[in-house]
N, C-alpha and C. Protein backbone atom coordinates (compact mmCIF):
# COMPACT_ATOMS: atom_id res chain seq x y z
N MET A 1 -20.72 -15.09 -48.45
CA MET A 1 -19.65 -14.15 -49.30
C MET A 1 -20.59 -12.93 -49.64
N LYS A 2 -20.02 -11.80 -49.24
CA LYS A 2 -20.48 -10.61 -49.60
C LYS A 2 -20.11 -10.15 -51.07
N LEU A 3 -21.12 -9.71 -51.94
CA LEU A 3 -20.78 -9.48 -53.28
C LEU A 3 -20.61 -7.79 -53.36
N PRO A 4 -19.66 -7.37 -54.16
CA PRO A 4 -19.55 -6.04 -54.41
C PRO A 4 -20.81 -5.39 -54.92
N ALA A 5 -21.00 -3.98 -54.95
CA ALA A 5 -22.15 -3.36 -55.33
C ALA A 5 -22.27 -3.80 -56.75
N THR A 6 -23.61 -3.77 -57.26
CA THR A 6 -23.99 -4.14 -58.66
C THR A 6 -23.46 -3.03 -59.55
N GLY A 7 -22.90 -3.49 -60.63
CA GLY A 7 -22.20 -2.62 -61.68
C GLY A 7 -20.83 -2.51 -61.62
N SER A 8 -20.23 -3.23 -60.59
CA SER A 8 -18.83 -3.20 -60.51
C SER A 8 -18.11 -4.18 -61.51
N GLY A 9 -18.92 -5.12 -61.84
CA GLY A 9 -18.46 -6.26 -62.81
C GLY A 9 -17.56 -7.21 -62.14
N GLU A 10 -17.03 -7.07 -60.87
CA GLU A 10 -16.15 -8.06 -60.39
C GLU A 10 -17.08 -9.20 -60.02
N TRP A 11 -18.14 -9.24 -59.29
CA TRP A 11 -18.87 -10.37 -59.03
C TRP A 11 -19.34 -11.20 -60.17
N HIS A 12 -19.58 -10.33 -61.33
CA HIS A 12 -20.17 -11.00 -62.47
C HIS A 12 -19.05 -12.05 -63.24
N SER A 13 -17.76 -11.37 -63.18
CA SER A 13 -16.68 -12.22 -63.91
C SER A 13 -16.40 -13.27 -62.94
N LEU A 14 -16.57 -13.33 -61.69
CA LEU A 14 -16.27 -14.25 -60.73
C LEU A 14 -16.96 -15.39 -60.92
N PHE A 15 -18.50 -15.10 -61.03
CA PHE A 15 -19.56 -16.34 -61.08
C PHE A 15 -19.90 -16.53 -62.41
N SER A 16 -19.66 -15.74 -63.35
CA SER A 16 -20.31 -16.03 -64.84
C SER A 16 -19.17 -16.36 -65.99
N SER A 17 -18.09 -16.74 -65.50
CA SER A 17 -17.02 -17.17 -66.63
C SER A 17 -16.78 -18.34 -66.46
N LYS A 18 -16.30 -19.05 -67.36
CA LYS A 18 -15.75 -20.52 -67.40
C LYS A 18 -14.49 -20.64 -66.48
N LYS A 19 -13.93 -19.54 -66.19
CA LYS A 19 -12.61 -19.43 -65.29
C LYS A 19 -13.14 -19.22 -63.93
N GLY A 20 -14.39 -18.65 -63.68
CA GLY A 20 -14.59 -18.08 -62.37
C GLY A 20 -14.75 -19.16 -61.13
N LEU A 21 -14.86 -18.65 -60.17
CA LEU A 21 -14.69 -19.49 -58.91
C LEU A 21 -16.07 -20.33 -58.84
N ALA A 22 -17.12 -19.89 -59.19
CA ALA A 22 -18.24 -20.92 -59.36
C ALA A 22 -18.20 -22.11 -60.04
N SER A 23 -17.47 -21.85 -61.23
CA SER A 23 -17.34 -23.08 -62.15
C SER A 23 -16.42 -24.17 -61.56
N THR A 24 -15.66 -23.90 -60.54
CA THR A 24 -14.95 -24.86 -59.73
C THR A 24 -15.84 -25.70 -58.96
N PHE A 25 -16.96 -25.13 -58.42
CA PHE A 25 -17.81 -26.01 -57.48
C PHE A 25 -19.17 -26.46 -58.20
N ASN A 26 -19.33 -25.89 -59.37
CA ASN A 26 -20.57 -26.27 -60.09
C ASN A 26 -20.31 -27.28 -61.22
N ILE A 27 -21.10 -28.36 -61.13
CA ILE A 27 -20.95 -29.51 -62.16
C ILE A 27 -21.58 -29.06 -63.44
N LEU A 28 -22.59 -27.94 -63.34
CA LEU A 28 -23.22 -27.50 -64.49
C LEU A 28 -22.53 -26.11 -64.81
N GLN A 29 -21.84 -26.30 -66.04
CA GLN A 29 -21.14 -25.00 -66.47
C GLN A 29 -21.95 -24.16 -67.08
N ASP A 30 -21.77 -22.77 -66.75
CA ASP A 30 -22.57 -21.68 -67.32
C ASP A 30 -22.38 -21.61 -68.84
N LYS A 31 -23.66 -21.44 -69.57
CA LYS A 31 -23.46 -21.47 -70.97
C LYS A 31 -23.38 -19.85 -71.43
N TYR A 32 -23.85 -19.11 -70.40
CA TYR A 32 -23.78 -17.61 -70.95
C TYR A 32 -23.05 -16.76 -69.94
N PHE A 33 -22.07 -15.81 -70.59
CA PHE A 33 -21.33 -15.06 -69.74
C PHE A 33 -20.80 -14.00 -70.81
N TRP A 34 -20.44 -12.81 -70.10
CA TRP A 34 -19.91 -11.63 -70.90
C TRP A 34 -18.53 -12.08 -71.47
N GLN A 35 -18.38 -11.88 -72.62
CA GLN A 35 -17.13 -12.18 -73.36
C GLN A 35 -15.97 -11.16 -72.72
N ASP A 36 -14.76 -11.51 -72.49
CA ASP A 36 -13.81 -10.68 -72.06
C ASP A 36 -13.52 -9.59 -73.24
N GLY A 37 -13.38 -8.26 -72.75
CA GLY A 37 -13.15 -7.28 -73.59
C GLY A 37 -14.46 -6.54 -74.00
N VAL A 38 -15.54 -7.04 -73.72
CA VAL A 38 -16.86 -6.51 -74.11
C VAL A 38 -17.27 -5.55 -72.87
N ASP A 39 -17.65 -4.32 -73.32
CA ASP A 39 -18.22 -3.45 -72.31
C ASP A 39 -19.68 -3.68 -72.22
N LYS A 40 -20.10 -4.42 -71.27
CA LYS A 40 -21.46 -4.87 -71.21
C LYS A 40 -22.60 -3.75 -71.11
N GLU A 41 -22.10 -2.61 -70.57
CA GLU A 41 -23.06 -1.27 -70.27
C GLU A 41 -23.25 -0.65 -71.75
N LYS A 42 -22.57 -1.21 -72.82
CA LYS A 42 -22.81 -0.62 -74.12
C LYS A 42 -23.52 -1.59 -74.96
N THR A 43 -23.92 -2.79 -74.54
CA THR A 43 -24.57 -3.77 -75.25
C THR A 43 -26.00 -3.37 -75.37
N GLY A 44 -26.59 -3.91 -76.49
CA GLY A 44 -27.90 -3.67 -76.66
C GLY A 44 -28.91 -4.42 -75.73
N TRP A 45 -28.38 -5.63 -75.33
CA TRP A 45 -29.04 -6.45 -74.24
C TRP A 45 -29.03 -5.67 -72.92
N PHE A 46 -27.87 -5.07 -72.39
CA PHE A 46 -27.83 -4.38 -71.11
C PHE A 46 -28.68 -3.23 -71.22
N CYS A 47 -28.67 -2.52 -72.28
CA CYS A 47 -29.62 -1.29 -72.47
C CYS A 47 -31.04 -1.68 -72.27
N PHE A 48 -31.47 -2.81 -72.98
CA PHE A 48 -32.76 -3.20 -72.86
C PHE A 48 -33.10 -3.58 -71.43
N GLN A 49 -32.30 -4.35 -70.67
CA GLN A 49 -32.68 -4.76 -69.24
C GLN A 49 -32.74 -3.53 -68.56
N GLU A 50 -31.98 -2.47 -68.66
CA GLU A 50 -31.98 -1.30 -67.95
C GLU A 50 -33.24 -0.60 -68.20
N ALA A 51 -33.91 -0.61 -69.39
CA ALA A 51 -34.95 0.10 -69.76
C ALA A 51 -36.13 -0.68 -69.23
N VAL A 52 -36.11 -1.94 -68.97
CA VAL A 52 -37.23 -2.61 -68.53
C VAL A 52 -37.35 -2.37 -67.04
N LYS A 53 -36.25 -2.35 -66.21
CA LYS A 53 -36.10 -1.95 -65.04
C LYS A 53 -36.75 -0.56 -64.49
N ALA A 54 -36.41 0.35 -65.53
CA ALA A 54 -36.91 1.91 -65.47
C ALA A 54 -38.44 1.70 -65.69
N HIS A 55 -38.73 0.90 -66.58
CA HIS A 55 -40.26 0.97 -66.91
C HIS A 55 -41.03 0.25 -65.63
N GLN A 56 -40.50 -0.73 -65.23
CA GLN A 56 -41.02 -1.42 -63.86
C GLN A 56 -41.20 -0.23 -62.87
N THR A 57 -40.09 0.37 -62.39
CA THR A 57 -40.24 1.41 -61.54
C THR A 57 -41.36 2.34 -61.71
N ILE A 58 -41.53 2.88 -62.91
CA ILE A 58 -42.59 3.79 -63.20
C ILE A 58 -43.70 3.28 -63.10
N ALA A 59 -44.02 2.08 -63.39
CA ALA A 59 -45.18 1.41 -63.64
C ALA A 59 -45.65 1.02 -62.16
N MET A 60 -44.77 0.59 -61.29
CA MET A 60 -45.00 0.19 -59.83
C MET A 60 -45.63 1.37 -59.13
N ASN A 61 -44.80 2.54 -59.47
CA ASN A 61 -45.25 3.83 -58.61
C ASN A 61 -46.60 4.29 -59.07
N TYR A 62 -46.97 4.11 -60.49
CA TYR A 62 -48.21 4.56 -61.07
C TYR A 62 -49.20 3.56 -60.61
N LEU A 63 -49.20 2.35 -60.45
CA LEU A 63 -50.02 1.39 -59.98
C LEU A 63 -50.30 1.22 -58.38
N LYS A 64 -49.21 1.65 -57.65
CA LYS A 64 -49.36 1.50 -56.18
C LYS A 64 -50.63 1.93 -55.51
N PRO A 65 -51.09 3.12 -55.85
CA PRO A 65 -52.22 3.58 -55.17
C PRO A 65 -53.41 2.66 -55.47
N THR A 66 -53.65 2.18 -56.74
CA THR A 66 -54.79 1.22 -57.12
C THR A 66 -54.68 0.15 -56.38
N PHE A 67 -53.42 -0.47 -56.26
CA PHE A 67 -53.26 -1.86 -55.46
C PHE A 67 -53.62 -1.55 -54.06
N GLU A 68 -53.08 -0.58 -53.49
CA GLU A 68 -53.23 -0.24 -52.07
C GLU A 68 -54.63 -0.23 -51.76
N LYS A 69 -55.56 0.39 -52.54
CA LYS A 69 -57.01 0.40 -52.50
C LYS A 69 -57.58 -1.02 -52.25
N MET A 70 -56.95 -1.88 -53.06
CA MET A 70 -57.54 -3.25 -53.18
C MET A 70 -56.76 -4.17 -52.09
N GLY A 71 -55.94 -3.59 -51.18
CA GLY A 71 -55.25 -4.31 -50.17
C GLY A 71 -54.17 -5.17 -50.59
N ILE A 72 -53.54 -4.96 -51.68
CA ILE A 72 -52.44 -5.71 -52.17
C ILE A 72 -51.15 -4.77 -52.17
N ASP A 73 -50.19 -5.37 -51.57
CA ASP A 73 -48.84 -5.00 -51.43
C ASP A 73 -47.84 -5.36 -52.55
N LEU A 74 -47.78 -4.60 -53.70
CA LEU A 74 -47.04 -5.09 -54.80
C LEU A 74 -45.59 -5.52 -54.51
N HIS A 75 -45.04 -5.13 -53.37
CA HIS A 75 -43.67 -5.61 -52.95
C HIS A 75 -43.57 -7.09 -52.38
N ASN A 76 -44.71 -7.68 -52.30
CA ASN A 76 -44.89 -9.14 -51.60
C ASN A 76 -44.93 -10.06 -52.95
N TYR A 77 -44.94 -9.67 -54.07
CA TYR A 77 -44.99 -10.54 -55.21
C TYR A 77 -43.73 -10.38 -56.12
């Protein structure tokens, strides 16, 4: 199954809700999902996760030359 691009919200509601398609096939119900009517992009948790991803990108770019000198490809980990 091809998922829509990240950020569309369609796949998240499909797989992360109690009414979603995955709940039909999964004997272990998801405990965590976005509530209906919540704009997830405006939640503190979403903003925190986006900040972590941005920090990781900056850190990886900064550390890449050092790890290349050691023969380590950071994208393999």
